[in-house]
Amino acid sequence: MGFESLAEAVSIISKAIGSVKGVGAIFVLAGFALILAVIVGIGGWLFIRLIKKIPRMTIGEFLKFIILFSLGLIVIGILLP
């Protein structure tokens, strides 16, 4: 199911890019791509910092991390199918 959703999203994006006409629209798409790249980069940086912090966590912080991580996985599992 996840691959079908990914294929559908890629087809929608390719249709949107294919229907773009004019230099202004290309600049808008480039701007959105840059914003997306920055968001992904910041998210990756924060994730790496979190992984490095895990060995120094107290038991309470670790339990909070595990609970938040599991809730995140549940949300992702709901959204993907």
PDB file of N, CA and C in Angstrom:
ATOM      1  N   MET A   1       0.807  -1.197   0.000  1.00  0.00           N
ATOM      2  CA  MET A   1       0.000   0.000   0.000  1.00  0.00           C
ATOM      3  C   MET A   1       0.845   1.254   0.000  1.00  0.00           C
ATOM      4  N   GLY A   2       1.967   1.235   0.688  1.00  0.00           N
ATOM      5  CA  GLY A   2       2.814   2.406   0.760  1.00  0.00           C
ATOM      6  C   GLY A   2       3.363   2.791  -0.599  1.00  0.00           C
ATOM      7  N   PHE A   3       3.720   1.779  -1.408  1.00  0.00           N
ATOM      8  CA  PHE A   3       4.265   2.063  -2.735  1.00  0.00           C
ATOM      9  C   PHE A   3       3.200   2.641  -3.663  1.00  0.00           C
ATOM     10  N   GLU A   4       1.977   2.207  -3.506  1.00  0.00           N
ATOM     11  CA  GLU A   4       0.882   2.748  -4.324  1.00  0.00           C
ATOM     12  C   GLU A   4       0.663   4.226  -4.005  1.00  0.00           C
ATOM     13  N   SER A   5       0.717   4.568  -2.725  1.00  0.00           N
ATOM     14  CA  SER A   5       0.563   5.970  -2.324  1.00  0.00           C
ATOM     15  C   SER A   5       1.715   6.803  -2.855  1.00  0.00           C
ATOM     16  N   LEU A   6       2.919   6.253  -2.798  1.00  0.00           N
ATOM     17  CA  LEU A   6       4.085   6.967  -3.317  1.00  0.00           C
ATOM     18  C   LEU A   6       3.972   7.157  -4.826  1.00  0.00           C
ATOM     19  N   ALA A   7       3.537   6.132  -5.537  1.00  0.00           N
ATOM     20  CA  ALA A   7       3.373   6.241  -6.980  1.00  0.00           C
ATOM     21  C   ALA A   7       2.310   7.274  -7.342  1.00  0.00           C
ATOM     22  N   GLU A   8       1.233   7.314  -6.571  1.00  0.00           N
ATOM     23  CA  GLU A   8       0.175   8.292  -6.817  1.00  0.00           C
ATOM     24  C   GLU A   8       0.679   9.715  -6.567  1.00  0.00           C
ATOM     25  N   ALA A   9       1.446   9.896  -5.488  1.00  0.00           N
ATOM     26  CA  ALA A   9       1.989  11.224  -5.181  1.00  0.00           C
ATOM     27  C   ALA A   9       2.960  11.672  -6.262  1.00  0.00           C
ATOM     28  N   VAL A  10       3.792  10.777  -6.753  1.00  0.00           N
ATOM     29  CA  VAL A  10       4.744  11.116  -7.815  1.00  0.00           C
ATOM     30  C   VAL A  10       4.008  11.465  -9.098  1.00  0.00           C
ATOM     31  N   SER A  11       2.944  10.765  -9.414  1.00  0.00           N
ATOM     32  CA  SER A  11       2.191  11.078 -10.633  1.00  0.00           C
ATOM     33  C   SER A  11       1.504  12.437 -10.523  1.00  0.00           C
ATOM     34  N   ILE A  12       0.990  12.762  -9.344  1.00  0.00           N
ATOM     35  CA  ILE A  12       0.365  14.072  -9.148  1.00  0.00           C
ATOM     36  C   ILE A  12       1.397  15.183  -9.298  1.00  0.00           C
ATOM     37  N   ILE A  13       2.570  14.984  -8.707  1.00  0.00           N
ATOM     38  CA  ILE A  13       3.629  15.998  -8.806  1.00  0.00           C
ATOM     39  C   ILE A  13       4.098  16.143 -10.248  1.00  0.00           C
ATOM     40  N   SER A  14       4.240  15.033 -10.964  1.00  0.00           N
ATOM     41  CA  SER A  14       4.690  15.120 -12.357  1.00  0.00           C
ATOM     42  C   SER A  14       3.644  15.806 -13.236  1.00  0.00           C
ATOM     43  N   LYS A  15       2.366  15.589 -12.957  1.00  0.00           N
ATOM     44  CA  LYS A  15       1.316  16.293 -13.701  1.00  0.00           C
ATOM     45  C   LYS A  15       1.360  17.789 -13.411  1.00  0.00           C
ATOM     46  N   ALA A  16       1.602  18.148 -12.141  1.00  0.00           N
ATOM     47  CA  ALA A  16       1.677  19.564 -11.767  1.00  0.00           C
ATOM     48  C   ALA A  16       2.871  20.232 -12.432  1.00  0.00           C
ATOM     49  N   ILE A  17       3.994  19.547 -12.480  1.00  0.00           N
ATOM     50  CA  ILE A  17       5.186  20.120 -13.112  1.00  0.00           C
ATOM     51  C   ILE A  17       4.997  20.192 -14.622  1.00  0.00           C
ATOM     52  N   GLY A  18       4.333  19.215 -15.190  1.00  0.00           N
ATOM     53  CA  GLY A  18       4.104  19.205 -16.634  1.00  0.00           C
ATOM     54  C   GLY A  18       3.156  20.310 -17.081  1.00  0.00           C
ATOM     55  N   SER A  19       2.266  20.740 -16.216  1.00  0.00           N
ATOM     56  CA  SER A  19       1.305  21.771 -16.595  1.00  0.00           C
ATOM     57  C   SER A  19       1.802  23.182 -16.302  1.00  0.00           C
ATOM     58  N   VAL A  20       3.021  23.307 -15.804  1.00  0.00           N
ATOM     59  CA  VAL A  20       3.580  24.622 -15.472  1.00  0.00           C
ATOM     60  C   VAL A  20       3.940  25.354 -16.757  1.00  0.00           C
ATOM     61  N   LYS A  21       3.494  26.600 -16.830  1.00  0.00           N
ATOM     62  CA  LYS A  21       3.800  27.418 -17.995  1.00  0.00           C
ATOM     63  C   LYS A  21       4.274  28.779 -17.499  1.00  0.00           C
ATOM     64  N   GLY A  22       5.375  29.213 -18.018  1.00  0.00           N
ATOM     65  CA  GLY A  22       5.888  30.527 -17.658  1.00  0.00           C
ATOM     66  C   GLY A  22       7.027  30.460 -16.668  1.00  0.00           C
ATOM     67  N   VAL A  23       7.824  31.504 -16.703  1.00  0.00           N
ATOM     68  CA  VAL A  23       9.000  31.575 -15.853  1.00  0.00           C
ATOM     69  C   VAL A  23       8.604  31.766 -14.387  1.00  0.00           C
ATOM     70  N   GLY A  24       7.565  32.536 -14.129  1.00  0.00           N
ATOM     71  CA  GLY A  24       7.130  32.783 -12.758  1.00  0.00           C
ATOM     72  C   GLY A  24       6.737  31.508 -12.046  1.00  0.00           C
ATOM     73  N   ALA A  25       6.030  30.640 -12.721  1.00  0.00           N
ATOM     74  CA  ALA A  25       5.610  29.379 -12.118  1.00  0.00           C
ATOM     75  C   ALA A  25       6.814  28.485 -11.823  1.00  0.00           C
ATOM     76  N   ILE A  26       7.801  28.537 -12.699  1.00  0.00           N
ATOM     77  CA  ILE A  26       9.019  27.747 -12.463  1.00  0.00           C
ATOM     78  C   ILE A  26       9.740  28.267 -11.228  1.00  0.00           C
ATOM     79  N   PHE A  27       9.783  29.601 -11.062  1.00  0.00           N
ATOM     80  CA  PHE A  27      10.409  30.169  -9.876  1.00  0.00           C
ATOM     81  C   PHE A  27       9.655  29.778  -8.605  1.00  0.00           C
ATOM     82  N   VAL A  28       8.347  29.731  -8.673  1.00  0.00           N
ATOM     83  CA  VAL A  28       7.540  29.317  -7.520  1.00  0.00           C
ATOM     84  C   VAL A  28       7.847  27.866  -7.164  1.00  0.00           C
ATOM     85  N   LEU A  29       7.903  26.991  -8.155  1.00  0.00           N
ATOM     86  CA  LEU A  29       8.226  25.587  -7.890  1.00  0.00           C
ATOM     87  C   LEU A  29       9.637  25.447  -7.330  1.00  0.00           C
ATOM     88  N   ALA A  30      10.580  26.230  -7.853  1.00  0.00           N
ATOM     89  CA  ALA A  30      11.946  26.188  -7.331  1.00  0.00           C
ATOM     90  C   ALA A  30      11.975  26.661  -5.879  1.00  0.00           C
ATOM     91  N   GLY A  31      11.191  27.681  -5.561  1.00  0.00           N
ATOM     92  CA  GLY A  31      11.114  28.162  -4.179  1.00  0.00           C
ATOM     93  C   GLY A  31      10.561  27.102  -3.249  1.00  0.00           C
ATOM     94  N   PHE A  32       9.488  26.429  -3.679  1.00  0.00           N
ATOM     95  CA  PHE A  32       8.930  25.354  -2.862  1.00  0.00           C
ATOM     96  C   PHE A  32       9.938  24.223  -2.680  1.00  0.00           C
ATOM     97  N   ALA A  33      10.694  23.908  -3.720  1.00  0.00           N
ATOM     98  CA  ALA A  33      11.710  22.859  -3.617  1.00  0.00           C
ATOM     99  C   ALA A  33      12.796  23.250  -2.614  1.00  0.00           C
ATOM    100  N   LEU A  34      13.206  24.517  -2.632  1.00  0.00           N
ATOM    101  CA  LEU A  34      14.211  24.976  -1.671  1.00  0.00           C
ATOM    102  C   LEU A  34      13.686  24.925  -0.244  1.00  0.00           C
ATOM    103  N   ILE A  35      12.454  25.360  -0.047  1.00  0.00           N
ATOM    104  CA  ILE A  35      11.863  25.314   1.293  1.00  0.00           C
ATOM    105  C   ILE A  35      11.772  23.870   1.775  1.00  0.00           C
ATOM    106  N   LEU A  36      11.358  22.967   0.902  1.00  0.00           N
ATOM    107  CA  LEU A  36      11.270  21.553   1.271  1.00  0.00           C
ATOM    108  C   LEU A  36      12.649  20.999   1.620  1.00  0.00           C
ATOM    109  N   ALA A  37      13.675  21.370   0.858  1.00  0.00           N
ATOM    110  CA  ALA A  37      15.029  20.903   1.149  1.00  0.00           C
ATOM    111  C   ALA A  37      15.515  21.404   2.506  1.00  0.00           C
ATOM    112  N   VAL A  38      15.208  22.654   2.834  1.00  0.00           N
ATOM    113  CA  VAL A  38      15.612  23.205   4.132  1.00  0.00           C
ATOM    114  C   VAL A  38      14.889  22.479   5.266  1.00  0.00           C
ATOM    115  N   ILE A  39      13.600  22.237   5.102  1.00  0.00           N
ATOM    116  CA  ILE A  39      12.828  21.543   6.139  1.00  0.00           C
ATOM    117  C   ILE A  39      13.360  20.127   6.344  1.00  0.00           C
ATOM    118  N   VAL A  40      13.641  19.423   5.265  1.00  0.00           N
ATOM    119  CA  VAL A  40      14.179  18.064   5.379  1.00  0.00           C
ATOM    120  C   VAL A  40      15.554  18.090   6.039  1.00  0.00           C
ATOM    121  N   GLY A  41      16.383  19.063   5.676  1.00  0.00           N
ATOM    122  CA  GLY A  41      17.711  19.175   6.283  1.00  0.00           C
ATOM    123  C   GLY A  41      17.647  19.447   7.772  1.00  0.00           C
ATOM    124  N   ILE A  42      16.780  20.367   8.183  1.00  0.00           N
ATOM    125  CA  ILE A  42      16.630  20.671   9.607  1.00  0.00           C
ATOM    126  C   ILE A  42      16.081  19.455  10.353  1.00  0.00           C
ATOM    127  N   GLY A  43      15.120  18.771   9.756  1.00  0.00           N
ATOM    128  CA  GLY A  43      14.580  17.562  10.384  1.00  0.00           C
ATOM    129  C   GLY A  43      15.636  16.488  10.558  1.00  0.00           C
ATOM    130  N   GLY A  44      16.462  16.288   9.550  1.00  0.00           N
ATOM    131  CA  GLY A  44      17.550  15.310   9.656  1.00  0.00           C
ATOM    132  C   GLY A  44      18.564  15.694  10.719  1.00  0.00           C
ATOM    133  N   TRP A  45      18.893  16.996  10.780  1.00  0.00           N
ATOM    134  CA  TRP A  45      19.844  17.478  11.768  1.00  0.00           C
ATOM    135  C   TRP A  45      19.302  17.260  13.182  1.00  0.00           C
ATOM    136  N   LEU A  46      18.021  17.585  13.394  1.00  0.00           N
ATOM    137  CA  LEU A  46      17.417  17.380  14.710  1.00  0.00           C
ATOM    138  C   LEU A  46      17.354  15.902  15.073  1.00  0.00           C
ATOM    139  N   PHE A  47      17.075  15.046  14.086  1.00  0.00           N
ATOM    140  CA  PHE A  47      17.012  13.607  14.342  1.00  0.00           C
ATOM    141  C   PHE A  47      18.385  13.077  14.750  1.00  0.00           C
ATOM    142  N   ILE A  48      19.440  13.531  14.093  1.00  0.00           N
ATOM    143  CA  ILE A  48      20.795  13.087  14.429  1.00  0.00           C
ATOM    144  C   ILE A  48      21.174  13.559  15.834  1.00  0.00           C
ATOM    145  N   ARG A  49      20.816  14.808  16.172  1.00  0.00           N
ATOM    146  CA  ARG A  49      21.095  15.306  17.525  1.00  0.00           C
ATOM    147  C   ARG A  49      20.365  14.475  18.570  1.00  0.00           C
ATOM    148  N   LEU A  50      19.134  14.073  18.268  1.00  0.00           N
ATOM    149  CA  LEU A  50      18.362  13.265  19.207  1.00  0.00           C
ATOM    150  C   LEU A  50      18.996  11.893  19.394  1.00  0.00           C
ATOM    151  N   ILE A  51      19.433  11.292  18.304  1.00  0.00           N
ATOM    152  CA  ILE A  51      20.066   9.973  18.388  1.00  0.00           C
ATOM    153  C   ILE A  51      21.345  10.055  19.209  1.00  0.00           C
ATOM    154  N   LYS A  52      22.114  11.133  19.052  1.00  0.00           N
ATOM    155  CA  LYS A  52      23.343  11.291  19.830  1.00  0.00           C
ATOM    156  C   LYS A  52      23.057  11.513  21.311  1.00  0.00           C
ATOM    157  N   LYS A  53      21.899  12.051  21.638  1.00  0.00           N
ATOM    158  CA  LYS A  53      21.555  12.356  23.018  1.00  0.00           C
ATOM    159  C   LYS A  53      21.017  11.141  23.775  1.00  0.00           C
ATOM    160  N   ILE A  54      20.570  10.123  23.093  1.00  0.00           N
ATOM    161  CA  ILE A  54      19.931   8.968  23.740  1.00  0.00           C
ATOM    162  C   ILE A  54      20.813   8.328  24.822  1.00  0.00           C
ATOM    163  N   PRO A  55      22.107   8.096  24.600  1.00  0.00           N
ATOM    164  CA  PRO A  55      22.893   7.446  25.667  1.00  0.00           C
ATOM    165  C   PRO A  55      23.013   8.275  26.950  1.00  0.00           C
ATOM    166  N   ARG A  56      22.833   9.586  26.878  1.00  0.00           N
ATOM    167  CA  ARG A  56      22.974  10.442  28.059  1.00  0.00           C
ATOM    168  C   ARG A  56      21.633  10.790  28.702  1.00  0.00           C
ATOM    169  N   MET A  57      20.547  10.179  28.240  1.00  0.00           N
ATOM    170  CA  MET A  57      19.223  10.484  28.783  1.00  0.00           C
ATOM    171  C   MET A  57      19.011   9.817  30.138  1.00  0.00           C
ATOM    172  N   THR A  58      18.219  10.506  30.980  1.00  0.00           N
ATOM    173  CA  THR A  58      17.789   9.855  32.212  1.00  0.00           C
ATOM    174  C   THR A  58      16.673   8.871  31.870  1.00  0.00           C
ATOM    175  N   ILE A  59      16.270   8.094  32.848  1.00  0.00           N
ATOM    176  CA  ILE A  59      15.222   7.097  32.596  1.00  0.00           C
ATOM    177  C   ILE A  59      13.914   7.786  32.208  1.00  0.00           C
ATOM    178  N   GLY A  60      13.573   8.873  32.884  1.00  0.00           N
ATOM    179  CA  GLY A  60      12.338   9.596  32.568  1.00  0.00           C
ATOM    180  C   GLY A  60      12.365  10.188  31.168  1.00  0.00           C
ATOM    181  N   GLU A  61      13.505  10.791  30.782  1.00  0.00           N
ATOM    182  CA  GLU A  61      13.622  11.349  29.434  1.00  0.00           C
ATOM    183  C   GLU A  61      13.529  10.255  28.381  1.00  0.00           C
ATOM    184  N   PHE A  62      14.162   9.101  28.675  1.00  0.00           N
ATOM    185  CA  PHE A  62      14.124   7.995  27.722  1.00  0.00           C
ATOM    186  C   PHE A  62      12.703   7.464  27.558  1.00  0.00           C
ATOM    187  N   LEU A  63      11.960   7.356  28.647  1.00  0.00           N
ATOM    188  CA  LEU A  63      10.574   6.884  28.550  1.00  0.00           C
ATOM    189  C   LEU A  63       9.721   7.867  27.756  1.00  0.00           C
ATOM    190  N   LYS A  64       9.917   9.173  27.976  1.00  0.00           N
ATOM    191  CA  LYS A  64       9.202  10.169  27.184  1.00  0.00           C
ATOM    192  C   LYS A  64       9.553  10.041  25.708  1.00  0.00           C
ATOM    193  N   PHE A  65      10.840   9.826  25.420  1.00  0.00           N
ATOM    194  CA  PHE A  65      11.275   9.648  24.041  1.00  0.00           C
ATOM    195  C   PHE A  65      10.607   8.432  23.402  1.00  0.00           C
ATOM    196  N   ILE A  66      10.583   7.334  24.119  1.00  0.00           N
ATOM    197  CA  ILE A  66       9.976   6.102  23.585  1.00  0.00           C
ATOM    198  C   ILE A  66       8.487   6.307  23.333  1.00  0.00           C
ATOM    199  N   ILE A  67       7.796   6.984  24.243  1.00  0.00           N
ATOM    200  CA  ILE A  67       6.359   7.225  24.070  1.00  0.00           C
ATOM    201  C   ILE A  67       6.111   8.120  22.859  1.00  0.00           C
ATOM    202  N   LEU A  68       6.867   9.214  22.742  1.00  0.00           N
ATOM    203  CA  LEU A  68       6.696  10.105  21.593  1.00  0.00           C
ATOM    204  C   LEU A  68       7.056   9.414  20.285  1.00  0.00           C
ATOM    205  N   PHE A  69       8.114   8.605  20.316  1.00  0.00           N
ATOM    206  CA  PHE A  69       8.516   7.873  19.112  1.00  0.00           C
ATOM    207  C   PHE A  69       7.433   6.887  18.690  1.00  0.00           C
ATOM    208  N   SER A  70       6.851   6.184  19.665  1.00  0.00           N
ATOM    209  CA  SER A  70       5.797   5.223  19.327  1.00  0.00           C
ATOM    210  C   SER A  70       4.550   5.927  18.805  1.00  0.00           C
ATOM    211  N   LEU A  71       4.210   7.081  19.388  1.00  0.00           N
ATOM    212  CA  LEU A  71       3.066   7.840  18.877  1.00  0.00           C
ATOM    213  C   LEU A  71       3.331   8.328  17.449  1.00  0.00           C
ATOM    214  N   GLY A  72       4.559   8.746  17.187  1.00  0.00           N
ATOM    215  CA  GLY A  72       4.921   9.152  15.832  1.00  0.00           C
ATOM    216  C   GLY A  72       4.790   8.011  14.840  1.00  0.00           C
ATOM    217  N   LEU A  73       5.226   6.823  15.239  1.00  0.00           N
ATOM    218  CA  LEU A  73       5.089   5.656  14.364  1.00  0.00           C
ATOM    219  C   LEU A  73       3.623   5.303  14.129  1.00  0.00           C
ATOM    220  N   ILE A  74       2.798   5.464  15.140  1.00  0.00           N
ATOM    221  CA  ILE A  74       1.362   5.194  14.988  1.00  0.00           C
ATOM    222  C   ILE A  74       0.754   6.162  13.990  1.00  0.00           C
ATOM    223  N   VAL A  75       1.095   7.438  14.104  1.00  0.00           N
ATOM    224  CA  VAL A  75       0.566   8.443  13.180  1.00  0.00           C
ATOM    225  C   VAL A  75       1.029   8.161  11.760  1.00  0.00           C
ATOM    226  N   ILE A  76       2.295   7.823  11.588  1.00  0.00           N
ATOM    227  CA  ILE A  76       2.805   7.489  10.254  1.00  0.00           C
ATOM    228  C   ILE A  76       2.092   6.264   9.710  1.00  0.00           C
ATOM    229  N   GLY A  77       1.872   5.268  10.566  1.00  0.00           N
ATOM    230  CA  GLY A  77       1.163   4.056  10.145  1.00  0.00           C
ATOM    231  C   GLY A  77      -0.270   4.341   9.724  1.00  0.00           C
ATOM    232  N   ILE A  78      -0.893   5.314  10.364  1.00  0.00           N
ATOM    233  CA  ILE A  78      -2.276   5.678   9.986  1.00  0.00           C
ATOM    234  C   ILE A  78      -2.293   6.410   8.669  1.00  0.00           C
ATOM    235  N   LEU A  79      -1.323   7.300   8.456  1.00  0.00           N
ATOM    236  CA  LEU A  79      -1.302   8.120   7.254  1.00  0.00           C
ATOM    237  C   LEU A  79      -0.875   7.358   6.003  1.00  0.00           C
ATOM    238  N   LEU A  80       0.009   6.380   6.131  1.00  0.00           N
ATOM    239  CA  LEU A  80       0.526   5.685   4.949  1.00  0.00           C
ATOM    240  C   LEU A  80      -0.495   4.826   4.210  1.00  0.00           C
ATOM    241  N   PRO A  81      -1.298   4.015   4.876  1.00  0.00           N
ATOM    242  CA  PRO A  81      -2.198   3.179   4.082  1.00  0.00           C
ATOM    243  C   PRO A  81      -3.230   4.033   3.387  1.00  0.00           C
TER     244      PRO A  81
END
